[in-house]
C-alpha atoms as a PDB file:
ATOM      1  CA  MET A   1      24.305 -67.171  55.026  1.00  0.00           C
ATOM      2  CA  ALA A   2      21.372 -67.075  51.900  1.00  0.00           C
ATOM      3  CA  PRO A   3      23.208 -68.669  48.679  1.00  0.00           C
ATOM      4  CA  VAL A   4      24.912 -66.764  46.118  1.00  0.00           C
ATOM      5  CA  LEU A   5      25.594 -68.287  42.084  1.00  0.00           C
ATOM      6  CA  THR A   6      28.252 -66.005  39.920  1.00  0.00           C
ATOM      7  CA  LEU A   7      28.830 -66.242  36.533  1.00  0.00           C
ATOM      8  CA  THR A   8      32.081 -64.881  35.090  1.00  0.00           C
ATOM      9  CA  ALA A   9      33.422 -64.858  31.657  1.00  0.00           C
ATOM     10  CA  VAL A  10      36.864 -65.594  30.660  1.00  0.00           C
ATOM     11  CA  GLN A  11      37.615 -62.157  28.330  1.00  0.00           C
ATOM     12  CA  GLN A  12      40.291 -62.196  26.244  1.00  0.00           C
ATOM     13  CA  ILE A  13      40.731 -65.709  24.726  1.00  0.00           C
ATOM     14  CA  PRO A  14      42.289 -65.544  21.129  1.00  0.00           C
ATOM     15  CA  ARG A  15      40.156 -66.633  18.213  1.00  0.00           C
ATOM     16  CA  VAL A  16      40.760 -70.098  18.016  1.00  0.00           C
ATOM     17  CA  SER A  17      42.706 -72.549  14.914  1.00  0.00           C
ATOM     18  CA  PRO A  18      42.123 -75.981  14.476  1.00  0.00           C
ATOM     19  CA  GLY A  19      44.674 -77.776  16.701  1.00  0.00           C
ATOM     20  CA  ASP A  20      45.183 -74.898  18.826  1.00  0.00           C
ATOM     21  CA  ASP A  21      45.428 -76.115  22.694  1.00  0.00           C
ATOM     22  CA  LEU A  22      42.067 -74.535  24.448  1.00  0.00           C
ATOM     23  CA  VAL A  23      42.799 -75.799  27.535  1.00  0.00           C
ATOM     24  CA  HIS A  24      46.355 -73.058  27.793  1.00  0.00           C
ATOM     25  CA  LEU A  25      44.352 -70.582  26.220  1.00  0.00           C
ATOM     26  CA  VAL A  26      41.250 -70.608  28.887  1.00  0.00           C
ATOM     27  CA  ILE A  27      43.908 -70.877  31.709  1.00  0.00           C
ATOM     28  CA  SER A  28      46.364 -68.064  30.674  1.00  0.00           C
ATOM     29  CA  ALA A  29      43.550 -66.053  30.084  1.00  0.00           C
ATOM     30  CA  THR A  30      41.777 -66.421  33.501  1.00  0.00           C
ATOM     31  CA  ALA A  31      44.905 -65.954  35.317  1.00  0.00           C
ATOM     32  CA  ASN A  32      45.688 -62.646  32.816  1.00  0.00           C
ATOM     33  CA  GLN A  33      41.999 -61.511  34.228  1.00  0.00           C
ATOM     34  CA  GLY A  34      43.395 -62.125  38.152  1.00  0.00           C
ATOM     35  CA  LEU A  35      40.775 -65.204  38.244  1.00  0.00           C
ATOM     36  CA  ALA A  36      41.853 -67.553  40.669  1.00  0.00           C
ATOM     37  CA  PRO A  37      39.219 -70.858  40.187  1.00  0.00           C
ATOM     38  CA  GLU A  38      38.660 -72.244  43.554  1.00  0.00           C
ATOM     39  CA  PRO A  39      37.357 -76.608  43.964  1.00  0.00           C
ATOM     40  CA  GLY A  40      33.685 -76.349  43.544  1.00  0.00           C
ATOM     41  CA  ASP A  41      33.549 -74.093  40.409  1.00  0.00           C
ATOM     42  CA  ILE A  42      32.897 -75.250  37.469  1.00  0.00           C
ATOM     43  CA  LEU A  43      33.805 -74.106  33.668  1.00  0.00           C
ATOM     44  CA  VAL A  44      31.325 -73.765  31.154  1.00  0.00           C
ATOM     45  CA  MET A  45      32.954 -73.940  27.491  1.00  0.00           C
ATOM     46  CA  ALA A  46      30.898 -73.219  24.337  1.00  0.00           C
ATOM     47  CA  GLN A  47      30.607 -75.482  21.160  1.00  0.00           C
ATOM     48  CA  LYS A  48      31.657 -73.709  18.671  1.00  0.00           C
ATOM     49  CA  VAL A  49      35.265 -72.623  20.003  1.00  0.00           C
ATOM     50  CA  VAL A  50      35.673 -76.704  21.086  1.00  0.00           C
ATOM     51  CA  SER A  51      34.506 -77.398  17.405  1.00  0.00           C
ATOM     52  CA  LYS A  52      36.400 -74.680  15.904  1.00  0.00           C
ATOM     53  CA  VAL A  53      40.161 -76.302  17.850  1.00  0.00           C
ATOM     54  CA  GLU A  54      38.886 -80.074  16.724  1.00  0.00           C
ATOM     55  CA  GLY A  55      38.985 -78.872  13.017  1.00  0.00           C
ATOM     56  CA  ARG A  56      34.919 -79.548  12.612  1.00  0.00           C
ATOM     57  CA  LEU A  57      34.827 -76.560   9.865  1.00  0.00           C
ATOM     58  CA  VAL A  58      33.273 -77.892   6.704  1.00  0.00           C
ATOM     59  CA  ALA A  59      33.355 -76.004   3.234  1.00  0.00           C
ATOM     60  CA  LEU A  60      30.190 -76.412   1.489  1.00  0.00           C
ATOM     61  CA  ALA A  61      32.133 -76.542  -1.839  1.00  0.00           C
ATOM     62  CA  ALA A  62      33.185 -79.850  -1.153  1.00  0.00           C
ATOM     63  CA  VAL A  63      30.096 -81.772   0.475  1.00  0.00           C
ATOM     64  CA  SER A  64      28.577 -83.389  -2.639  1.00  0.00           C
ATOM     65  CA  PRO A  65      25.300 -83.898  -1.655  1.00  0.00           C
ATOM     66  CA  SER A  66      23.512 -87.558  -2.295  1.00  0.00           C
ATOM     67  CA  THR A  67      19.805 -88.423  -3.264  1.00  0.00           C
ATOM     68  CA  ALA A  68      18.786 -88.658  -0.517  1.00  0.00           C
ATOM     69  CA  ALA A  69      19.861 -85.163   0.177  1.00  0.00           C
ATOM     70  CA  ILE A  70      18.776 -83.516  -2.628  1.00  0.00           C
ATOM     71  CA  ASP A  71      14.988 -84.730  -1.866  1.00  0.00           C
ATOM     72  CA  LEU A  72      15.101 -83.178   1.672  1.00  0.00           C
ATOM     73  CA  ALA A  73      16.697 -80.060   0.105  1.00  0.00           C
ATOM     74  CA  ALA A  74      13.644 -79.825  -1.979  1.00  0.00           C
ATOM     75  CA  GLN A  75      11.630 -80.404   0.424  1.00  0.00           C
ATOM     76  CA  THR A  76      12.816 -77.359   2.689  1.00  0.00           C
ATOM     77  CA  GLY A  77      14.134 -75.132   0.994  1.00  0.00           C
ATOM     78  CA  LYS A  78      18.041 -76.137   2.380  1.00  0.00           C
ATOM     79  CA  ASP A  79      21.284 -76.067   0.842  1.00  0.00           C
ATOM     80  CA  PRO A  80      21.851 -79.785  -0.524  1.00  0.00           C
ATOM     81  CA  ARG A  81      25.255 -79.794   0.591  1.00  0.00           C
ATOM     82  CA  LEU A  82      24.074 -78.397   4.226  1.00  0.00           C
ATOM     83  CA  VAL A  83      21.675 -80.960   4.404  1.00  0.00           C
ATOM     84  CA  GLU A  84      23.596 -83.757   3.679  1.00  0.00           C
ATOM     85  CA  LEU A  85      25.920 -82.823   6.147  1.00  0.00           C
ATOM     86  CA  ILE A  86      23.155 -83.078   8.253  1.00  0.00           C
ATOM     87  CA  LEU A  87      22.333 -86.305   7.777  1.00  0.00           C
ATOM     88  CA  SER A  88      25.821 -87.254   7.979  1.00  0.00           C
ATOM     89  CA  GLU A  89      25.776 -86.034  11.394  1.00  0.00           C
ATOM     90  CA  SER A  90      22.659 -87.594  12.208  1.00  0.00           C
ATOM     91  CA  THR A  91      20.519 -90.591  13.396  1.00  0.00           C
ATOM     92  CA  ALA A  92      16.983 -89.530  12.100  1.00  0.00           C
ATOM     93  CA  ILE A  93      15.050 -87.050  10.822  1.00  0.00           C
ATOM     94  CA  VAL A  94      12.631 -86.110  13.597  1.00  0.00           C
ATOM     95  CA  ARG A  95      10.923 -83.041  11.260  1.00  0.00           C
ATOM     96  CA  SER A  96      11.125 -81.351   8.853  1.00  0.00           C
ATOM     97  CA  ARG A  97       9.157 -78.469   6.924  1.00  0.00           C
ATOM     98  CA  PRO A  98       9.591 -75.878   4.506  1.00  0.00           C
ATOM     99  CA  GLY A  99      12.738 -74.020   6.387  1.00  0.00           C
ATOM    100  CA  LEU A 100      13.607 -76.085   8.770  1.00  0.00           C
ATOM    101  CA  ILE A 101      14.649 -79.759   9.895  1.00  0.00           C
ATOM    102  CA  ILE A 102      15.197 -80.706  12.853  1.00  0.00           C
ATOM    103  CA  ALA A 103      17.580 -84.025  13.723  1.00  0.00           C
ATOM    104  CA  GLU A 104      18.934 -86.479  16.419  1.00  0.00           C
ATOM    105  CA  HIS A 105      22.016 -85.842  16.280  1.00  0.00           C
ATOM    106  CA  ARG A 106      24.421 -89.099  16.316  1.00  0.00           C
ATOM    107  CA  CYS A 107      24.778 -88.512  19.878  1.00  0.00           C
ATOM    108  CA  GLY A 108      20.712 -88.179  20.554  1.00  0.00           C
ATOM    109  CA  HIS A 109      20.601 -84.720  21.139  1.00  0.00           C
ATOM    110  CA  VAL A 110      17.547 -83.420  19.118  1.00  0.00           C
ATOM    111  CA  LEU A 111      17.826 -80.227  17.284  1.00  0.00           C
ATOM    112  CA  ALA A 112      17.626 -78.255  14.462  1.00  0.00           C
ATOM    113  CA  ASN A 113      20.131 -78.448  11.169  1.00  0.00           C
ATOM    114  CA  ALA A 114      22.144 -81.063  13.346  1.00  0.00           C
ATOM    115  CA  GLY A 115      23.575 -78.785  15.114  1.00  0.00           C
ATOM    116  CA  ILE A 116      25.452 -77.630  11.919  1.00  0.00           C
ATOM    117  CA  ASP A 117      25.631 -73.644  11.979  1.00  0.00           C
ATOM    118  CA  ALA A 118      27.315 -71.061  10.098  1.00  0.00           C
ATOM    119  CA  SER A 119      27.731 -68.203  12.733  1.00  0.00           C
ATOM    120  CA  ASN A 120      30.627 -66.491  13.880  1.00  0.00           C
ATOM    121  CA  ILE A 121      32.934 -68.051  11.732  1.00  0.00           C
ATOM    122  CA  ALA A 122      35.083 -66.768   8.907  1.00  0.00           C
ATOM    123  CA  GLN A 123      34.003 -67.013   5.295  1.00  0.00           C
ATOM    124  CA  SER A 124      36.422 -65.336   3.744  1.00  0.00           C
ATOM    125  CA  ASP A 125      37.155 -68.058   0.819  1.00  0.00           C
ATOM    126  CA  GLY A 126      33.673 -69.580  -0.022  1.00  0.00           C
ATOM    127  CA  GLU A 127      30.711 -70.519   2.532  1.00  0.00           C
ATOM    128  CA  HIS A 128      32.045 -72.817   5.205  1.00  0.00           C
ATOM    129  CA  VAL A 129      29.552 -74.470   8.257  1.00  0.00           C
ATOM    130  CA  LEU A 130      30.496 -75.299  11.810  1.00  0.00           C
ATOM    131  CA  LEU A 131      29.870 -79.190  12.799  1.00  0.00           C
ATOM    132  CA  TRP A 132      29.679 -80.357  15.946  1.00  0.00           C
ATOM    133  CA  PRO A 133      32.151 -82.144  17.968  1.00  0.00           C
ATOM    134  CA  ALA A 134      32.515 -85.703  17.099  1.00  0.00           C
ATOM    135  CA  ASP A 135      31.662 -86.610  20.785  1.00  0.00           C
ATOM    136  CA  PRO A 136      30.973 -83.698  22.854  1.00  0.00           C
ATOM    137  CA  ASP A 137      31.001 -85.571  26.195  1.00  0.00           C
ATOM    138  CA  ALA A 138      34.402 -87.058  24.836  1.00  0.00           C
ATOM    139  CA  SER A 139      36.284 -83.350  25.141  1.00  0.00           C
ATOM    140  CA  ALA A 140      34.462 -82.398  27.677  1.00  0.00           C
ATOM    141  CA  ALA A 141      36.183 -85.683  29.377  1.00  0.00           C
ATOM    142  CA  GLU A 142      39.513 -83.700  27.811  1.00  0.00           C
ATOM    143  CA  LEU A 143      38.794 -80.623  29.274  1.00  0.00           C
ATOM    144  CA  HIS A 144      38.249 -81.580  32.577  1.00  0.00           C
ATOM    145  CA  GLN A 145      40.460 -84.295  33.189  1.00  0.00           C
ATOM    146  CA  ARG A 146      43.309 -81.426  31.859  1.00  0.00           C
ATOM    147  CA  CYS A 147      42.136 -78.859  33.729  1.00  0.00           C
ATOM    148  CA  THR A 148      41.646 -80.592  36.977  1.00  0.00           C
ATOM    149  CA  GLN A 149      45.290 -81.859  36.393  1.00  0.00           C
ATOM    150  CA  ALA A 150      46.472 -78.105  35.931  1.00  0.00           C
ATOM    151  CA  TYR A 151      44.743 -76.898  39.005  1.00  0.00           C
ATOM    152  CA  GLY A 152      45.062 -79.564  40.824  1.00  0.00           C
ATOM    153  CA  PHE A 153      41.654 -80.064  41.857  1.00  0.00           C
ATOM    154  CA  ALA A 154      38.224 -81.586  40.417  1.00  0.00           C
ATOM    155  CA  VAL A 155      37.108 -78.880  37.408  1.00  0.00           C
ATOM    156  CA  PRO A 156      33.724 -80.362  36.203  1.00  0.00           C
ATOM    157  CA  VAL A 157      33.180 -78.923  32.446  1.00  0.00           C
ATOM    158  CA  ILE A 158      30.201 -78.634  30.417  1.00  0.00           C
ATOM    159  CA  ILE A 159      29.800 -77.499  26.889  1.00  0.00           C
ATOM    160  CA  ASN A 160      27.214 -75.899  25.747  1.00  0.00           C
ATOM    161  CA  ASP A 161      24.917 -74.654  22.654  1.00  0.00           C
ATOM    162  CA  SER A 162      21.949 -72.431  21.762  1.00  0.00           C
ATOM    163  CA  MET A 163      18.822 -74.669  21.269  1.00  0.00           C
ATOM    164  CA  GLY A 164      15.280 -73.911  20.269  1.00  0.00           C
ATOM    165  CA  ARG A 165      12.719 -75.640  22.715  1.00  0.00           C
ATOM    166  CA  ALA A 166       9.219 -77.063  21.798  1.00  0.00           C
ATOM    167  CA  TRP A 167       6.367 -75.416  22.832  1.00  0.00           C
ATOM    168  CA  ARG A 168       8.603 -71.700  23.665  1.00  0.00           C
ATOM    169  CA  MET A 169       9.748 -69.298  21.395  1.00  0.00           C
ATOM    170  CA  GLY A 170      13.603 -68.012  21.646  1.00  0.00           C
ATOM    171  CA  THR A 171      16.927 -69.969  21.855  1.00  0.00           C
ATOM    172  CA  THR A 172      18.389 -71.288  25.355  1.00  0.00           C
ATOM    173  CA  GLY A 173      21.826 -73.117  26.265  1.00  0.00           C
ATOM    174  CA  HIS A 174      21.786 -76.551  26.829  1.00  0.00           C
ATOM    175  CA  ALA A 175      24.449 -78.872  28.329  1.00  0.00           C
ATOM    176  CA  ILE A 176      25.823 -81.133  25.167  1.00  0.00           C
ATOM    177  CA  GLY A 177      28.649 -82.297  26.428  1.00  0.00           C
ATOM    178  CA  VAL A 178      29.672 -83.001  30.725  1.00  0.00           C
ATOM    179  CA  ALA A 179      32.725 -84.186  32.605  1.00  0.00           C
ATOM    180  CA  GLY A 180      33.021 -84.062  36.343  1.00  0.00           C
ATOM    181  CA  LEU A 181      29.757 -84.169  37.724  1.00  0.00           C
ATOM    182  CA  ASP A 182      26.116 -85.475  37.674  1.00  0.00           C
ATOM    183  CA  PRO A 183      24.184 -83.211  34.732  1.00  0.00           C
ATOM    184  CA  LEU A 184      20.804 -84.168  36.996  1.00  0.00           C
ATOM    185  CA  TRP A 185      19.474 -83.771  40.521  1.00  0.00           C
ATOM    186  CA  ASN A 186      17.497 -86.613  41.634  1.00  0.00           C
ATOM    187  CA  GLN A 187      15.392 -85.423  44.675  1.00  0.00           C
ATOM    188  CA  VAL A 188      12.958 -87.852  44.416  1.00  0.00           C
ATOM    189  CA  GLY A 189      12.242 -89.012  48.083  1.00  0.00           C
ATOM    190  CA  GLU A 190      13.004 -85.382  49.332  1.00  0.00           C
ATOM    191  CA  GLN A 191      10.530 -83.762  51.275  1.00  0.00           C
ATOM    192  CA  ASP A 192       8.741 -80.246  50.173  1.00  0.00           C
ATOM    193  CA  LEU A 193       8.706 -77.206  52.402  1.00  0.00           C
ATOM    194  CA  TYR A 194       5.305 -78.776  53.509  1.00  0.00           C
ATOM    195  CA  GLY A 195       6.700 -82.533  54.283  1.00  0.00           C
ATOM    196  CA  ASN A 196       5.732 -84.123  50.988  1.00  0.00           C
ATOM    197  CA  GLU A 197       7.512 -86.430  49.553  1.00  0.00           C
ATOM    198  CA  LEU A 198       8.761 -85.457  45.925  1.00  0.00           C
ATOM    199  CA  ARG A 199       7.678 -88.051  43.572  1.00  0.00           C
ATOM    200  CA  VAL A 200       8.925 -86.922  40.275  1.00  0.00           C
ATOM    201  CA  THR A 201      11.813 -84.120  41.232  1.00  0.00           C
ATOM    202  CA  GLU A 202      14.917 -84.274  38.644  1.00  0.00           C
ATOM    203  CA  PRO A 203      16.349 -80.940  38.320  1.00  0.00           C
ATOM    204  CA  ALA A 204      18.817 -80.561  35.113  1.00  0.00           C
ATOM    205  CA  THR A 205      21.432 -79.143  37.026  1.00  0.00           C
ATOM    206  CA  ALA A 206      23.650 -79.367  33.774  1.00  0.00           C
ATOM    207  CA  ASP A 207      20.907 -78.026  31.329  1.00  0.00           C
ATOM    208  CA  GLY A 208      19.865 -74.674  34.157  1.00  0.00           C
ATOM    209  CA  LEU A 209      24.208 -73.926  34.470  1.00  0.00           C
ATOM    210  CA  ALA A 210      24.336 -74.288  30.655  1.00  0.00           C
ATOM    211  CA  ALA A 211      22.083 -71.737  30.042  1.00  0.00           C
ATOM    212  CA  ALA A 212      23.057 -69.399  32.648  1.00  0.00           C
ATOM    213  CA  ALA A 213      26.554 -69.139  30.867  1.00  0.00           C
ATOM    214  CA  ALA A 214      25.024 -68.572  27.673  1.00  0.00           C
ATOM    215  CA  LEU A 215      23.401 -64.883  28.642  1.00  0.00           C
ATOM    216  CA  VAL A 216      26.880 -64.167  29.634  1.00  0.00           C
ATOM    217  CA  GLN A 217      28.470 -65.400  26.407  1.00  0.00           C
ATOM    218  CA  GLY A 218      26.595 -64.128  24.280  1.00  0.00           C
ATOM    219  CA  GLU A 219      25.560 -64.820  20.981  1.00  0.00           C
ATOM    220  CA  ALA A 220      26.756 -62.316  18.524  1.00  0.00           C
ATOM    221  CA  ALA A 221      30.219 -60.982  18.733  1.00  0.00           C
ATOM    222  CA  GLU A 222      30.739 -61.201  22.279  1.00  0.00           C
ATOM    223  CA  GLY A 223      33.823 -63.128  21.921  1.00  0.00           C
ATOM    224  CA  THR A 224      33.838 -64.926  25.370  1.00  0.00           C
ATOM    225  CA  PRO A 225      33.499 -68.357  25.242  1.00  0.00           C
ATOM    226  CA  ALA A 226      34.591 -69.499  28.458  1.00  0.00           C
ATOM    227  CA  VAL A 227      32.477 -69.225  31.932  1.00  0.00           C
ATOM    228  CA  TRP A 228      33.569 -70.078  35.589  1.00  0.00           C
ATOM    229  CA  VAL A 229      30.828 -71.032  37.350  1.00  0.00           C
ATOM    230  CA  ARG A 230      31.231 -70.435  41.181  1.00  0.00           C
ATOM    231  CA  GLY A 231      28.074 -71.651  43.541  1.00  0.00           C
ATOM    232  CA  CYS A 232      26.693 -74.023  42.374  1.00  0.00           C
ATOM    233  CA  PRO A 233      25.309 -77.253  44.917  1.00  0.00           C
ATOM    234  CA  LEU A 234      26.084 -79.936  42.919  1.00  0.00           C
ATOM    235  CA  SER A 235      24.271 -83.175  43.140  1.00  0.00           C
ATOM    236  CA  SER A 236      26.276 -86.112  45.027  1.00  0.00           C
ATOM    237  CA  GLY A 237      25.434 -88.744  42.407  1.00  0.00           C
ATOM    238  CA  GLY A 238      28.148 -90.197  40.519  1.00  0.00           C
ATOM    239  CA  ALA A 239      29.259 -88.340  37.099  1.00  0.00           C
ATOM    240  CA  ARG A 240      27.386 -89.094  34.268  1.00  0.00           C
ATOM    241  CA  SER A 241      27.668 -87.273  30.623  1.00  0.00           C
ATOM    242  CA  SER A 242      25.252 -85.854  28.869  1.00  0.00           C
ATOM    243  CA  ARG A 243      23.343 -88.646  27.797  1.00  0.00           C
ATOM    244  CA  ALA A 244      21.659 -88.825  31.420  1.00  0.00           C
ATOM    245  CA  LEU A 245      19.827 -85.697  30.471  1.00  0.00           C
ATOM    246  CA  LEU A 246      18.479 -87.237  26.691  1.00  0.00           C
ATOM    247  CA  ARG A 247      14.737 -89.279  27.148  1.00  0.00           C
ATOM    248  CA  PRO A 248      14.961 -92.546  25.972  1.00  0.00           C
ATOM    249  CA  HIS A 249      12.597 -93.389  22.873  1.00  0.00           C
ATOM    250  CA  SER A 250      10.364 -95.676  24.979  1.00  0.00           C
ATOM    251  CA  ALA A 251       9.015 -92.440  27.226  1.00  0.00           C
ATOM    252  CA  ASP A 252       9.250 -89.808  24.575  1.00  0.00           C
ATOM    253  CA  LEU A 253       5.279 -89.063  23.627  1.00  0.00           C
ATOM    254  CA  PHE A 254       5.628 -86.887  20.867  1.00  0.00           C
ATOM    255  CA  ARG A 255       7.192 -88.946  18.119  1.00  0.00           C
END
């Protein structure tokens, strides 16, 4: 039987506020849609909805930029208050030029603006931006634990966000938080169709699922932050966090 991979967006999840029970909202909406998760299914959650319930919304009016932020803002043409948040969320500024700041987030992921974004955020009383969860892997672990308890079987969880990619145009979903699965599938030592031994093959399963789920979630007004994935084979390796996806600095040839 040919393998089949299905991704189903959960409809009618209400707009969330800080402190909302995200797991309850997802489970209720899943049931109302007539979906019945099964062992082996994976839940992919959009970063924005996780950040919102964790209270990571910041009003720029409340931010006082430092001298370093003012200097970098002058070089890049960005709002000094936004730059201050980027610096506070980062361990390093990898690259910058007018209109662009690439930062290494405190969690190790490298991306524009340290993941800070203003899309899909109400701007009714001044400009606001949304930060990543303080620890996306910890957020994924909590979702994994609670969903596993609610359904009675292990529910792997991926938190995804859209990022640009070196050497490529456009954005794709990336796994920024992972719990309950190995985000990499180490196939070193296996054989290809012709009996050749694989020496470096290690598919990034979590990133592949994050990218696929992002196509279902959408980037605009779709309002479908939760996606159930069925039919994806997973590595037999032990569960690891998203940090397993990060290339060590010692192996980074481009910095």
